[in-house]
Amino acid sequence: MKAPTAAFLGTLRSELVTEDTESFVYRPERRPARGVLELAAALALVVGTFLIVTQVRAWYGWLLGAPPLLACAVFAARGLAWLWPRPMFTITVDRRARTLLVSMPTDRGQGLAKTRYADVLAVELVEKDASFAVSLPLGDGRRIGLGFFRRREDADALAARFAGLIGVDVRRA
């Protein structure tokens, strides 16, 4: 089953610029209201647990407080993840070597893929499910996805930026 494109909506932003390289990081959209709500739930659980434990005043009071505190940790972790999402992937454009390096965090470290500018056919902009997908099709049939965007202007700006960096055309499909 394919995941809906809304799950992958995010932003690709320039993170580090040096003389020869430029690194872009793709992060999913922040959801601050959801993050604040889950952090508030975690705080409410801590306060509620403290009140219950102080009212019981017995040895089993602390046992009663353990499950809500575990739930509090889950809510706090999820709330922080909504406020500061982890990057899904990083693209480094090396102008001197004329290569693109794509790295993705995996369970075993970083997954890497390296390709030359000459392998990139174009920057492709496609409308899918009321969002806009930007990708780099390669000569061997693979493609490097640059992300999904809600607004056409954001997708156009990113496509034009990569087309200028790599020296290829923007193809709209």
C-alpha atoms as a PDB file:
ATOM      1  CA  MET A   1       0.000   0.000   0.000  1.00  0.00           C
ATOM      2  CA  LYS A   2       1.396   3.365  -1.008  1.00  0.00           C
ATOM      3  CA  ALA A   3       1.585   6.179   1.515  1.00  0.00           C
ATOM      4  CA  PRO A   4      -0.321   9.356   0.627  1.00  0.00           C
ATOM      5  CA  THR A   5       1.826  12.185  -0.674  1.00  0.00           C
ATOM      6  CA  ALA A   6       0.639  14.399   2.195  1.00  0.00           C
ATOM      7  CA  ALA A   7       2.785  12.271   4.513  1.00  0.00           C
ATOM      8  CA  PHE A   8       5.897  13.409   2.629  1.00  0.00           C
ATOM      9  CA  LEU A   9       5.117  17.114   2.243  1.00  0.00           C
ATOM     10  CA  GLY A  10       8.005  19.170   3.483  1.00  0.00           C
ATOM     11  CA  THR A  11      10.726  21.625   2.633  1.00  0.00           C
ATOM     12  CA  LEU A  12      14.149  21.287   1.062  1.00  0.00           C
ATOM     13  CA  ARG A  13      16.330  24.046   2.444  1.00  0.00           C
ATOM     14  CA  SER A  14      19.929  25.022   1.983  1.00  0.00           C
ATOM     15  CA  GLU A  15      21.720  24.005   5.165  1.00  0.00           C
ATOM     16  CA  LEU A  16      25.425  24.538   4.497  1.00  0.00           C
ATOM     17  CA  VAL A  17      27.098  26.545   1.748  1.00  0.00           C
ATOM     18  CA  THR A  18      30.841  26.492   1.116  1.00  0.00           C
ATOM     19  CA  GLU A  19      32.989  27.589  -1.786  1.00  0.00           C
ATOM     20  CA  ASP A  20      32.581  24.267  -3.642  1.00  0.00           C
ATOM     21  CA  THR A  21      29.535  22.593  -2.124  1.00  0.00           C
ATOM     22  CA  GLU A  22      25.989  23.324  -1.103  1.00  0.00           C
ATOM     23  CA  SER A  23      24.035  20.967   1.157  1.00  0.00           C
ATOM     24  CA  PHE A  24      20.253  20.796   1.159  1.00  0.00           C
ATOM     25  CA  VAL A  25      18.215  19.085   3.892  1.00  0.00           C
ATOM     26  CA  TYR A  26      14.646  17.830   3.371  1.00  0.00           C
ATOM     27  CA  ARG A  27      12.457  17.896   6.459  1.00  0.00           C
ATOM     28  CA  PRO A  28       8.764  17.003   6.737  1.00  0.00           C
ATOM     29  CA  GLU A  29       6.390  19.835   7.579  1.00  0.00           C
ATOM     30  CA  ARG A  30       6.356  21.039  11.152  1.00  0.00           C
ATOM     31  CA  ARG A  31       3.073  20.660  12.973  1.00  0.00           C
ATOM     32  CA  PRO A  32       3.451  23.066  15.907  1.00  0.00           C
ATOM     33  CA  ALA A  33      -0.157  22.834  17.143  1.00  0.00           C
ATOM     34  CA  ARG A  34       0.047  19.049  17.348  1.00  0.00           C
ATOM     35  CA  GLY A  35       3.461  19.233  19.039  1.00  0.00           C
ATOM     36  CA  VAL A  36       2.318  21.742  21.659  1.00  0.00           C
ATOM     37  CA  LEU A  37      -0.827  19.687  22.325  1.00  0.00           C
ATOM     38  CA  GLU A  38       1.199  16.519  22.939  1.00  0.00           C
ATOM     39  CA  LEU A  39       3.683  18.374  25.168  1.00  0.00           C
ATOM     40  CA  ALA A  40       0.732  19.786  27.147  1.00  0.00           C
ATOM     41  CA  ALA A  41      -0.663  16.248  27.528  1.00  0.00           C
ATOM     42  CA  ALA A  42       2.742  15.101  28.830  1.00  0.00           C
ATOM     43  CA  LEU A  43       2.806  17.929  31.358  1.00  0.00           C
ATOM     44  CA  ALA A  44      -0.753  17.139  32.462  1.00  0.00           C
ATOM     45  CA  LEU A  45       0.216  13.498  32.973  1.00  0.00           C
ATOM     46  CA  VAL A  46       3.183  14.503  35.144  1.00  0.00           C
ATOM     47  CA  VAL A  47       1.051  16.809  37.290  1.00  0.00           C
ATOM     48  CA  GLY A  48      -1.758  14.235  37.558  1.00  0.00           C
ATOM     49  CA  THR A  49       0.666  11.481  38.488  1.00  0.00           C
ATOM     50  CA  PHE A  50       2.268  13.670  41.140  1.00  0.00           C
ATOM     51  CA  LEU A  51      -1.133  14.455  42.622  1.00  0.00           C
ATOM     52  CA  ILE A  52      -2.177  10.791  42.675  1.00  0.00           C
ATOM     53  CA  VAL A  53       1.092   9.620  44.234  1.00  0.00           C
ATOM     54  CA  THR A  54       0.986  12.277  46.969  1.00  0.00           C
ATOM     55  CA  GLN A  55      -2.649  11.483  47.785  1.00  0.00           C
ATOM     56  CA  VAL A  56      -2.174   7.704  48.043  1.00  0.00           C
ATOM     57  CA  ARG A  57       0.852   7.957  50.381  1.00  0.00           C
ATOM     58  CA  ALA A  58       1.573   4.250  50.297  1.00  0.00           C
ATOM     59  CA  TRP A  59       4.222   2.067  48.708  1.00  0.00           C
ATOM     60  CA  TYR A  60       1.914   1.098  45.820  1.00  0.00           C
ATOM     61  CA  GLY A  61       1.348   4.781  45.007  1.00  0.00           C
ATOM     62  CA  TRP A  62       4.623   4.844  43.151  1.00  0.00           C
ATOM     63  CA  LEU A  63       3.607   1.717  41.238  1.00  0.00           C
ATOM     64  CA  LEU A  64       0.382   3.465  40.213  1.00  0.00           C
ATOM     65  CA  GLY A  65       2.444   6.396  38.958  1.00  0.00           C
ATOM     66  CA  ALA A  66       4.741   4.390  36.677  1.00  0.00           C
ATOM     67  CA  PRO A  67       2.395   3.782  33.678  1.00  0.00           C
ATOM     68  CA  PRO A  68       1.304   7.444  33.385  1.00  0.00           C
ATOM     69  CA  LEU A  69       4.947   8.531  33.505  1.00  0.00           C
ATOM     70  CA  LEU A  70       5.807   6.105  30.696  1.00  0.00           C
ATOM     71  CA  ALA A  71       2.906   7.539  28.677  1.00  0.00           C
ATOM     72  CA  CYS A  72       4.244  11.004  29.502  1.00  0.00           C
ATOM     73  CA  ALA A  73       7.602  10.104  27.967  1.00  0.00           C
ATOM     74  CA  VAL A  74       5.876   8.916  24.781  1.00  0.00           C
ATOM     75  CA  PHE A  75       3.794  12.105  24.512  1.00  0.00           C
ATOM     76  CA  ALA A  76       6.833  14.297  25.136  1.00  0.00           C
ATOM     77  CA  ALA A  77       8.933  12.503  22.500  1.00  0.00           C
ATOM     78  CA  ARG A  78       6.170  12.712  19.911  1.00  0.00           C
ATOM     79  CA  GLY A  79       5.513  16.364  20.722  1.00  0.00           C
ATOM     80  CA  LEU A  80       9.157  17.268  20.229  1.00  0.00           C
ATOM     81  CA  ALA A  81       9.243  15.257  16.986  1.00  0.00           C
ATOM     82  CA  TRP A  82       6.330  17.330  15.642  1.00  0.00           C
ATOM     83  CA  LEU A  83       8.065  20.566  16.633  1.00  0.00           C
ATOM     84  CA  TRP A  84      11.546  19.636  15.305  1.00  0.00           C
ATOM     85  CA  PRO A  85      11.242  16.911  12.641  1.00  0.00           C
ATOM     86  CA  ARG A  86      14.308  14.857  11.682  1.00  0.00           C
ATOM     87  CA  PRO A  87      15.653  15.271   8.166  1.00  0.00           C
ATOM     88  CA  MET A  88      14.483  12.618   5.695  1.00  0.00           C
ATOM     89  CA  PHE A  89      17.508  13.049   3.421  1.00  0.00           C
ATOM     90  CA  THR A  90      20.395  15.352   2.533  1.00  0.00           C
ATOM     91  CA  ILE A  91      21.548  16.321  -0.959  1.00  0.00           C
ATOM     92  CA  THR A  92      25.030  17.759  -1.386  1.00  0.00           C
ATOM     93  CA  VAL A  93      25.841  19.478  -4.671  1.00  0.00           C
ATOM     94  CA  ASP A  94      29.599  19.526  -5.318  1.00  0.00           C
ATOM     95  CA  ARG A  95      30.319  22.112  -8.008  1.00  0.00           C
ATOM     96  CA  ARG A  96      34.027  21.304  -8.294  1.00  0.00           C
ATOM     97  CA  ALA A  97      33.586  17.540  -8.756  1.00  0.00           C
ATOM     98  CA  ARG A  98      30.250  18.100 -10.614  1.00  0.00           C
ATOM     99  CA  THR A  99      28.483  15.437  -8.542  1.00  0.00           C
ATOM    100  CA  LEU A 100      25.367  15.036  -6.414  1.00  0.00           C
ATOM    101  CA  LEU A 101      25.567  13.081  -3.171  1.00  0.00           C
ATOM    102  CA  VAL A 102      22.294  11.892  -1.632  1.00  0.00           C
ATOM    103  CA  SER A 103      22.391  10.555   1.928  1.00  0.00           C
ATOM    104  CA  MET A 104      19.503   9.119   3.939  1.00  0.00           C
ATOM    105  CA  PRO A 105      19.508   8.070   7.576  1.00  0.00           C
ATOM    106  CA  THR A 106      18.905   4.317   7.855  1.00  0.00           C
ATOM    107  CA  ASP A 107      18.883   1.851  10.727  1.00  0.00           C
ATOM    108  CA  ARG A 108      22.550   1.053   9.941  1.00  0.00           C
ATOM    109  CA  GLY A 109      23.878   4.593   9.522  1.00  0.00           C
ATOM    110  CA  GLN A 110      23.774   6.646   6.328  1.00  0.00           C
ATOM    111  CA  GLY A 111      22.648   5.299   2.962  1.00  0.00           C
ATOM    112  CA  LEU A 112      24.606   7.051   0.204  1.00  0.00           C
ATOM    113  CA  ALA A 113      24.145   7.498  -3.531  1.00  0.00           C
ATOM    114  CA  LYS A 114      26.482   9.503  -5.744  1.00  0.00           C
ATOM    115  CA  THR A 115      25.831  10.599  -9.308  1.00  0.00           C
ATOM    116  CA  ARG A 116      27.445  12.920 -11.852  1.00  0.00           C
ATOM    117  CA  TYR A 117      25.823  16.025 -13.333  1.00  0.00           C
ATOM    118  CA  ALA A 118      26.007  14.367 -16.773  1.00  0.00           C
ATOM    119  CA  ASP A 119      23.680  11.574 -15.569  1.00  0.00           C
ATOM    120  CA  VAL A 120      20.888  14.045 -14.730  1.00  0.00           C
ATOM    121  CA  LEU A 121      18.525  14.507 -17.677  1.00  0.00           C
ATOM    122  CA  ALA A 122      16.425  17.407 -16.345  1.00  0.00           C
ATOM    123  CA  VAL A 123      14.594  18.738 -13.320  1.00  0.00           C
ATOM    124  CA  GLU A 124      11.064  17.358 -13.475  1.00  0.00           C
ATOM    125  CA  LEU A 125       8.016  19.098 -11.946  1.00  0.00           C
ATOM    126  CA  VAL A 126       4.826  17.013 -11.697  1.00  0.00           C
ATOM    127  CA  GLU A 127       1.457  17.767 -10.063  1.00  0.00           C
ATOM    128  CA  LYS A 128       0.224  14.855  -7.883  1.00  0.00           C
ATOM    129  CA  ASP A 129      -2.747  14.767  -5.508  1.00  0.00           C
ATOM    130  CA  ALA A 130      -2.989  18.580  -5.154  1.00  0.00           C
ATOM    131  CA  SER A 131       0.738  18.789  -4.424  1.00  0.00           C
ATOM    132  CA  PHE A 132       3.783  19.289  -6.589  1.00  0.00           C
ATOM    133  CA  ALA A 133       6.636  16.784  -6.874  1.00  0.00           C
ATOM    134  CA  VAL A 134      10.122  17.848  -7.940  1.00  0.00           C
ATOM    135  CA  SER A 135      12.637  15.198  -9.013  1.00  0.00           C
ATOM    136  CA  LEU A 136      15.815  14.617 -10.991  1.00  0.00           C
ATOM    137  CA  PRO A 137      15.408  11.811 -13.578  1.00  0.00           C
ATOM    138  CA  LEU A 138      18.687  10.017 -14.312  1.00  0.00           C
ATOM    139  CA  GLY A 139      19.835   8.437 -17.554  1.00  0.00           C
ATOM    140  CA  ASP A 140      19.638   4.884 -16.192  1.00  0.00           C
ATOM    141  CA  GLY A 141      15.927   5.153 -15.319  1.00  0.00           C
ATOM    142  CA  ARG A 142      16.352   6.001 -11.633  1.00  0.00           C
ATOM    143  CA  ARG A 143      15.273   9.316 -10.179  1.00  0.00           C
ATOM    144  CA  ILE A 144      16.231  11.436  -7.198  1.00  0.00           C
ATOM    145  CA  GLY A 145      13.176  12.925  -5.532  1.00  0.00           C
ATOM    146  CA  LEU A 146      13.627  16.456  -4.255  1.00  0.00           C
ATOM    147  CA  GLY A 147      10.308  16.559  -2.403  1.00  0.00           C
ATOM    148  CA  PHE A 148       6.596  17.298  -2.432  1.00  0.00           C
ATOM    149  CA  PHE A 149       5.271  20.822  -1.982  1.00  0.00           C
ATOM    150  CA  ARG A 150       1.801  22.274  -1.408  1.00  0.00           C
ATOM    151  CA  ARG A 151       2.444  25.495  -3.305  1.00  0.00           C
ATOM    152  CA  ARG A 152       3.440  25.632  -6.949  1.00  0.00           C
ATOM    153  CA  GLU A 153       5.665  28.679  -6.315  1.00  0.00           C
ATOM    154  CA  ASP A 154       7.842  26.703  -3.862  1.00  0.00           C
ATOM    155  CA  ALA A 155       8.175  23.814  -6.313  1.00  0.00           C
ATOM    156  CA  ASP A 156       8.996  26.197  -9.191  1.00  0.00           C
ATOM    157  CA  ALA A 157      11.636  27.990  -7.121  1.00  0.00           C
ATOM    158  CA  LEU A 158      13.310  24.709  -6.129  1.00  0.00           C
ATOM    159  CA  ALA A 159      13.204  23.371  -9.704  1.00  0.00           C
ATOM    160  CA  ALA A 160      14.754  26.578 -11.034  1.00  0.00           C
ATOM    161  CA  ARG A 161      17.438  26.535  -8.324  1.00  0.00           C
ATOM    162  CA  PHE A 162      18.533  22.968  -9.103  1.00  0.00           C
ATOM    163  CA  ALA A 163      18.300  23.564 -12.853  1.00  0.00           C
ATOM    164  CA  GLY A 164      20.675  26.509 -12.418  1.00  0.00           C
ATOM    165  CA  LEU A 165      23.057  24.550 -10.160  1.00  0.00           C
ATOM    166  CA  ILE A 166      23.280  21.506 -12.402  1.00  0.00           C
ATOM    167  CA  GLY A 167      22.823  23.222 -15.771  1.00  0.00           C
ATOM    168  CA  VAL A 168      19.759  21.316 -17.065  1.00  0.00           C
ATOM    169  CA  ASP A 169      16.253  22.289 -18.143  1.00  0.00           C
ATOM    170  CA  VAL A 170      13.044  22.184 -16.100  1.00  0.00           C
ATOM    171  CA  ARG A 171      10.544  19.696 -17.522  1.00  0.00           C
ATOM    172  CA  ARG A 172       6.878  20.059 -16.532  1.00  0.00           C
ATOM    173  CA  ALA A 173       4.689  16.981 -16.778  1.00  0.00           C
END
